[in-house]
PDB file of N, CA and C in Angstrom:
ATOM      1  N   MET A   1       0.827  -1.196   0.000  1.00  0.00           N
ATOM      2  CA  MET A   1       0.000   0.000   0.000  1.00  0.00           C
ATOM      3  C   MET A   1       0.866   1.252   0.000  1.00  0.00           C
ATOM      4  N   ASP A   2       1.957   1.248   0.727  1.00  0.00           N
ATOM      5  CA  ASP A   2       2.832   2.423   0.760  1.00  0.00           C
ATOM      6  C   ASP A   2       3.391   2.723  -0.623  1.00  0.00           C
ATOM      7  N   LYS A   3       3.744   1.679  -1.384  1.00  0.00           N
ATOM      8  CA  LYS A   3       4.250   1.888  -2.739  1.00  0.00           C
ATOM      9  C   LYS A   3       3.184   2.527  -3.613  1.00  0.00           C
ATOM     10  N   GLU A   4       1.947   2.091  -3.446  1.00  0.00           N
ATOM     11  CA  GLU A   4       0.847   2.656  -4.228  1.00  0.00           C
ATOM     12  C   GLU A   4       0.638   4.128  -3.885  1.00  0.00           C
ATOM     13  N   MET A   5       0.704   4.458  -2.611  1.00  0.00           N
ATOM     14  CA  MET A   5       0.532   5.850  -2.196  1.00  0.00           C
ATOM     15  C   MET A   5       1.692   6.711  -2.682  1.00  0.00           C
ATOM     16  N   ASP A   6       2.892   6.180  -2.642  1.00  0.00           N
ATOM     17  CA  ASP A   6       4.048   6.921  -3.160  1.00  0.00           C
ATOM     18  C   ASP A   6       3.875   7.205  -4.651  1.00  0.00           C
ATOM     19  N   GLN A   7       3.447   6.184  -5.398  1.00  0.00           N
ATOM     20  CA  GLN A   7       3.236   6.363  -6.838  1.00  0.00           C
ATOM     21  C   GLN A   7       2.111   7.358  -7.092  1.00  0.00           C
ATOM     22  N   PHE A   8       1.050   7.266  -6.307  1.00  0.00           N
ATOM     23  CA  PHE A   8      -0.056   8.211  -6.435  1.00  0.00           C
ATOM     24  C   PHE A   8       0.441   9.640  -6.208  1.00  0.00           C
ATOM     25  N   GLY A   9       1.248   9.837  -5.194  1.00  0.00           N
ATOM     26  CA  GLY A   9       1.803  11.158  -4.901  1.00  0.00           C
ATOM     27  C   GLY A   9       2.656  11.681  -6.040  1.00  0.00           C
ATOM     28  N   ARG A  10       3.491  10.819  -6.604  1.00  0.00           N
ATOM     29  CA  ARG A  10       4.339  11.230  -7.733  1.00  0.00           C
ATOM     30  C   ARG A  10       3.481  11.591  -8.947  1.00  0.00           C
ATOM     31  N   ASP A  11       2.470  10.752  -9.214  1.00  0.00           N
ATOM     32  CA  ASP A  11       1.588  11.014 -10.353  1.00  0.00           C
ATOM     33  C   ASP A  11       0.829  12.327 -10.162  1.00  0.00           C
ATOM     34  N   LEU A  12       0.382  12.565  -8.947  1.00  0.00           N
ATOM     35  CA  LEU A  12      -0.353  13.791  -8.658  1.00  0.00           C
ATOM     36  C   LEU A  12       0.534  15.021  -8.855  1.00  0.00           C
ATOM     37  N   LEU A  13       1.743  14.957  -8.373  1.00  0.00           N
ATOM     38  CA  LEU A  13       2.672  16.080  -8.549  1.00  0.00           C
ATOM     39  C   LEU A  13       2.970  16.332 -10.025  1.00  0.00           C
ATOM     40  N   GLU A  14       3.130  15.263 -10.794  1.00  0.00           N
ATOM     41  CA  GLU A  14       3.391  15.416 -12.224  1.00  0.00           C
ATOM     42  C   GLU A  14       2.189  16.053 -12.920  1.00  0.00           C
ATOM     43  N   THR A  15       1.012  15.680 -12.509  1.00  0.00           N
ATOM     44  CA  THR A  15      -0.194  16.278 -13.086  1.00  0.00           C
ATOM     45  C   THR A  15      -0.255  17.765 -12.786  1.00  0.00           C
ATOM     46  N   VAL A  16       0.071  18.155 -11.568  1.00  0.00           N
ATOM     47  CA  VAL A  16       0.081  19.578 -11.209  1.00  0.00           C
ATOM     48  C   VAL A  16       1.124  20.311 -12.039  1.00  0.00           C
ATOM     49  N   ARG A  17       2.279  19.721 -12.239  1.00  0.00           N
ATOM     50  CA  ARG A  17       3.326  20.352 -13.066  1.00  0.00           C
ATOM     51  C   ARG A  17       2.828  20.545 -14.499  1.00  0.00           C
ATOM     52  N   GLN A  18       2.151  19.518 -15.039  1.00  0.00           N
ATOM     53  CA  GLN A  18       1.609  19.624 -16.390  1.00  0.00           C
ATOM     54  C   GLN A  18       0.586  20.754 -16.475  1.00  0.00           C
ATOM     55  N   MET A  19      -0.265  20.862 -15.464  1.00  0.00           N
ATOM     56  CA  MET A  19      -1.275  21.923 -15.456  1.00  0.00           C
ATOM     57  C   MET A  19      -0.612  23.290 -15.431  1.00  0.00           C
ATOM     58  N   LYS A  20       0.434  23.446 -14.636  1.00  0.00           N
ATOM     59  CA  LYS A  20       1.128  24.723 -14.544  1.00  0.00           C
ATOM     60  C   LYS A  20       1.795  25.092 -15.868  1.00  0.00           C
ATOM     61  N   ARG A  21       2.199  24.070 -16.645  1.00  0.00           N
ATOM     62  CA  ARG A  21       2.802  24.323 -17.956  1.00  0.00           C
ATOM     63  C   ARG A  21       1.741  24.553 -19.023  1.00  0.00           C
ATOM     64  N   GLY A  22       0.475  24.444 -18.645  1.00  0.00           N
ATOM     65  CA  GLY A  22      -0.604  24.643 -19.598  1.00  0.00           C
ATOM     66  C   GLY A  22      -0.904  23.429 -20.439  1.00  0.00           C
ATOM     67  N   GLU A  23      -0.425  22.282 -20.012  1.00  0.00           N
ATOM     68  CA  GLU A  23      -0.684  21.047 -20.738  1.00  0.00           C
ATOM     69  C   GLU A  23      -1.924  20.371 -20.152  1.00  0.00           C
ATOM     70  N   ALA A  24      -2.821  19.999 -21.005  1.00  0.00           N
ATOM     71  CA  ALA A  24      -4.037  19.319 -20.541  1.00  0.00           C
ATOM     72  C   ALA A  24      -3.932  17.837 -20.868  1.00  0.00           C
ATOM     73  N   ALA A  25      -4.114  17.014 -19.879  1.00  0.00           N
ATOM     74  CA  ALA A  25      -4.073  15.574 -20.096  1.00  0.00           C
ATOM     75  C   ALA A  25      -5.341  15.117 -20.808  1.00  0.00           C
ATOM     76  N   GLY A  26      -6.419  15.822 -20.601  1.00  0.00           N
ATOM     77  CA  GLY A  26      -7.680  15.477 -21.237  1.00  0.00           C
ATOM     78  C   GLY A  26      -8.662  16.622 -21.093  1.00  0.00           C
ATOM     79  N   VAL A  27      -9.617  16.641 -21.964  1.00  0.00           N
ATOM     80  CA  VAL A  27     -10.635  17.677 -21.934  1.00  0.00           C
ATOM     81  C   VAL A  27     -11.990  16.995 -21.857  1.00  0.00           C
ATOM     82  N   THR A  28     -12.815  17.471 -20.960  1.00  0.00           N
ATOM     83  CA  THR A  28     -14.166  16.934 -20.828  1.00  0.00           C
ATOM     84  C   THR A  28     -15.143  17.990 -21.309  1.00  0.00           C
ATOM     85  N   ARG A  29     -15.966  17.613 -22.238  1.00  0.00           N
ATOM     86  CA  ARG A  29     -16.979  18.522 -22.753  1.00  0.00           C
ATOM     87  C   ARG A  29     -18.340  18.047 -22.252  1.00  0.00           C
ATOM     88  N   VAL A  30     -19.128  18.987 -21.786  1.00  0.00           N
ATOM     89  CA  VAL A  30     -20.443  18.677 -21.258  1.00  0.00           C
ATOM     90  C   VAL A  30     -21.488  19.399 -22.095  1.00  0.00           C
ATOM     91  N   GLU A  31     -22.406  18.645 -22.637  1.00  0.00           N
ATOM     92  CA  GLU A  31     -23.498  19.234 -23.402  1.00  0.00           C
ATOM     93  C   GLU A  31     -24.594  19.652 -22.425  1.00  0.00           C
ATOM     94  N   VAL A  32     -24.975  20.906 -22.466  1.00  0.00           N
ATOM     95  CA  VAL A  32     -26.033  21.408 -21.593  1.00  0.00           C
ATOM     96  C   VAL A  32     -27.351  21.317 -22.357  1.00  0.00           C
ATOM     97  N   PRO A  33     -28.323  20.582 -21.817  1.00  0.00           N
ATOM     98  CA  PRO A  33     -29.607  20.453 -22.509  1.00  0.00           C
ATOM     99  C   PRO A  33     -30.249  21.820 -22.776  1.00  0.00           C
ATOM    100  N   MET A  34     -30.994  21.903 -23.875  1.00  0.00           N
ATOM    101  CA  MET A  34     -31.609  23.152 -24.310  1.00  0.00           C
ATOM    102  C   MET A  34     -32.486  23.773 -23.226  1.00  0.00           C
ATOM    103  N   ALA A  35     -33.251  22.947 -22.501  1.00  0.00           N
ATOM    104  CA  ALA A  35     -34.136  23.487 -21.456  1.00  0.00           C
ATOM    105  C   ALA A  35     -33.323  24.270 -20.422  1.00  0.00           C
ATOM    106  N   ALA A  36     -32.175  23.748 -20.031  1.00  0.00           N
ATOM    107  CA  ALA A  36     -31.342  24.427 -19.036  1.00  0.00           C
ATOM    108  C   ALA A  36     -30.745  25.709 -19.614  1.00  0.00           C
ATOM    109  N   GLN A  37     -30.355  25.666 -20.883  1.00  0.00           N
ATOM    110  CA  GLN A  37     -29.801  26.867 -21.518  1.00  0.00           C
ATOM    111  C   GLN A  37     -30.838  27.990 -21.563  1.00  0.00           C
ATOM    112  N   ILE A  38     -32.048  27.654 -21.968  1.00  0.00           N
ATOM    113  CA  ILE A  38     -33.100  28.666 -22.081  1.00  0.00           C
ATOM    114  C   ILE A  38     -33.439  29.237 -20.710  1.00  0.00           C
ATOM    115  N   ARG A  39     -33.608  28.355 -19.725  1.00  0.00           N
ATOM    116  CA  ARG A  39     -33.947  28.822 -18.378  1.00  0.00           C
ATOM    117  C   ARG A  39     -32.878  29.771 -17.854  1.00  0.00           C
ATOM    118  N   HIS A  40     -31.624  29.402 -18.074  1.00  0.00           N
ATOM    119  CA  HIS A  40     -30.517  30.239 -17.613  1.00  0.00           C
ATOM    120  C   HIS A  40     -30.545  31.607 -18.298  1.00  0.00           C
ATOM    121  N   ARG A  41     -30.775  31.619 -19.612  1.00  0.00           N
ATOM    122  CA  ARG A  41     -30.823  32.880 -20.354  1.00  0.00           C
ATOM    123  C   ARG A  41     -31.949  33.790 -19.853  1.00  0.00           C
ATOM    124  N   LEU A  42     -33.051  33.165 -19.450  1.00  0.00           N
ATOM    125  CA  LEU A  42     -34.182  33.942 -18.942  1.00  0.00           C
ATOM    126  C   LEU A  42     -33.990  34.380 -17.494  1.00  0.00           C
ATOM    127  N   GLY A  43     -33.017  33.775 -16.817  1.00  0.00           N
ATOM    128  CA  GLY A  43     -32.751  34.125 -15.428  1.00  0.00           C
ATOM    129  C   GLY A  43     -33.819  33.639 -14.469  1.00  0.00           C
ATOM    130  N   LEU A  44     -34.438  32.503 -14.804  1.00  0.00           N
ATOM    131  CA  LEU A  44     -35.505  31.970 -13.961  1.00  0.00           C
ATOM    132  C   LEU A  44     -35.032  30.789 -13.131  1.00  0.00           C
ATOM    133  N   SER A  45     -35.659  30.612 -11.988  1.00  0.00           N
ATOM    134  CA  SER A  45     -35.402  29.419 -11.181  1.00  0.00           C
ATOM    135  C   SER A  45     -36.104  28.239 -11.854  1.00  0.00           C
ATOM    136  N   GLN A  46     -35.770  27.031 -11.424  1.00  0.00           N
ATOM    137  CA  GLN A  46     -36.455  25.869 -11.979  1.00  0.00           C
ATOM    138  C   GLN A  46     -37.954  25.941 -11.709  1.00  0.00           C
ATOM    139  N   LYS A  47     -38.301  26.364 -10.506  1.00  0.00           N
ATOM    140  CA  LYS A  47     -39.723  26.457 -10.137  1.00  0.00           C
ATOM    141  C   LYS A  47     -40.442  27.466 -11.037  1.00  0.00           C
ATOM    142  N   GLU A  48     -39.843  28.628 -11.232  1.00  0.00           N
ATOM    143  CA  GLU A  48     -40.450  29.663 -12.068  1.00  0.00           C
ATOM    144  C   GLU A  48     -40.607  29.201 -13.521  1.00  0.00           C
ATOM    145  N   PHE A  49     -39.567  28.570 -14.041  1.00  0.00           N
ATOM    146  CA  PHE A  49     -39.597  28.113 -15.428  1.00  0.00           C
ATOM    147  C   PHE A  49     -40.615  26.991 -15.604  1.00  0.00           C
ATOM    148  N   ALA A  50     -40.682  26.082 -14.641  1.00  0.00           N
ATOM    149  CA  ALA A  50     -41.666  25.002 -14.697  1.00  0.00           C
ATOM    150  C   ALA A  50     -43.088  25.565 -14.696  1.00  0.00           C
ATOM    151  N   GLU A  51     -43.324  26.564 -13.865  1.00  0.00           N
ATOM    152  CA  GLU A  51     -44.654  27.199 -13.821  1.00  0.00           C
ATOM    153  C   GLU A  51     -44.978  27.864 -15.163  1.00  0.00           C
ATOM    154  N   LEU A  52     -43.998  28.530 -15.759  1.00  0.00           N
ATOM    155  CA  LEU A  52     -44.187  29.180 -17.044  1.00  0.00           C
ATOM    156  C   LEU A  52     -44.584  28.163 -18.122  1.00  0.00           C
ATOM    157  N   LEU A  53     -43.966  26.985 -18.063  1.00  0.00           N
ATOM    158  CA  LEU A  53     -44.241  25.937 -19.047  1.00  0.00           C
ATOM    159  C   LEU A  53     -45.420  25.055 -18.663  1.00  0.00           C
ATOM    160  N   ASP A  54     -45.953  25.272 -17.459  1.00  0.00           N
ATOM    161  CA  ASP A  54     -47.065  24.478 -16.936  1.00  0.00           C
ATOM    162  C   ASP A  54     -46.704  22.989 -16.829  1.00  0.00           C
ATOM    163  N   VAL A  55     -45.502  22.748 -16.302  1.00  0.00           N
ATOM    164  CA  VAL A  55     -45.057  21.379 -16.013  1.00  0.00           C
ATOM    165  C   VAL A  55     -44.574  21.342 -14.571  1.00  0.00           C
ATOM    166  N   SER A  56     -44.416  20.154 -14.044  1.00  0.00           N
ATOM    167  CA  SER A  56     -43.921  20.040 -12.671  1.00  0.00           C
ATOM    168  C   SER A  56     -42.420  20.324 -12.636  1.00  0.00           C
ATOM    169  N   PRO A  57     -41.928  20.802 -11.491  1.00  0.00           N
ATOM    170  CA  PRO A  57     -40.473  21.001 -11.369  1.00  0.00           C
ATOM    171  C   PRO A  57     -39.701  19.699 -11.612  1.00  0.00           C
ATOM    172  N   GLY A  58     -40.271  18.573 -11.232  1.00  0.00           N
ATOM    173  CA  GLY A  58     -39.608  17.288 -11.460  1.00  0.00           C
ATOM    174  C   GLY A  58     -39.453  16.984 -12.940  1.00  0.00           C
ATOM    175  N   THR A  59     -40.476  17.312 -13.719  1.00  0.00           N
ATOM    176  CA  THR A  59     -40.388  17.120 -15.178  1.00  0.00           C
ATOM    177  C   THR A  59     -39.299  18.007 -15.757  1.00  0.00           C
ATOM    178  N   LEU A  60     -39.263  19.243 -15.328  1.00  0.00           N
ATOM    179  CA  LEU A  60     -38.234  20.165 -15.814  1.00  0.00           C
ATOM    180  C   LEU A  60     -36.844  19.662 -15.441  1.00  0.00           C
ATOM    181  N   ARG A  61     -36.675  19.203 -14.208  1.00  0.00           N
ATOM    182  CA  ARG A  61     -35.379  18.663 -13.788  1.00  0.00           C
ATOM    183  C   ARG A  61     -34.965  17.514 -14.693  1.00  0.00           C
ATOM    184  N   GLY A  62     -35.909  16.659 -15.034  1.00  0.00           N
ATOM    185  CA  GLY A  62     -35.610  15.546 -15.942  1.00  0.00           C
ATOM    186  C   GLY A  62     -35.125  16.035 -17.293  1.00  0.00           C
ATOM    187  N   TRP A  63     -35.795  17.061 -17.827  1.00  0.00           N
ATOM    188  CA  TRP A  63     -35.367  17.627 -19.112  1.00  0.00           C
ATOM    189  C   TRP A  63     -33.967  18.202 -18.991  1.00  0.00           C
ATOM    190  N   GLU A  64     -33.720  18.910 -17.899  1.00  0.00           N
ATOM    191  CA  GLU A  64     -32.421  19.571 -17.735  1.00  0.00           C
ATOM    192  C   GLU A  64     -31.282  18.579 -17.502  1.00  0.00           C
ATOM    193  N   GLN A  65     -31.605  17.414 -17.019  1.00  0.00           N
ATOM    194  CA  GLN A  65     -30.581  16.392 -16.792  1.00  0.00           C
ATOM    195  C   GLN A  65     -30.408  15.492 -18.007  1.00  0.00           C
ATOM    196  N   GLY A  66     -31.158  15.775 -19.053  1.00  0.00           N
ATOM    197  CA  GLY A  66     -31.036  15.013 -20.277  1.00  0.00           C
ATOM    198  C   GLY A  66     -31.746  13.692 -20.191  1.00  0.00           C
TER     199      GLY A  66
END
């Protein structure tokens, strides 16, 4: 276990060094569902937006989570 923790520490430090050099090991892209984009643009809470659309907040949450 100590060897694993030592390796983890070395790997973590190398990752921080890469980040400081501006090197990205990977990029994660997240698609934001349209319902969430529209609600955000309107500046409404989930409850307010759900009421506007005449749906339950739970339905809206489902749409926003894809």
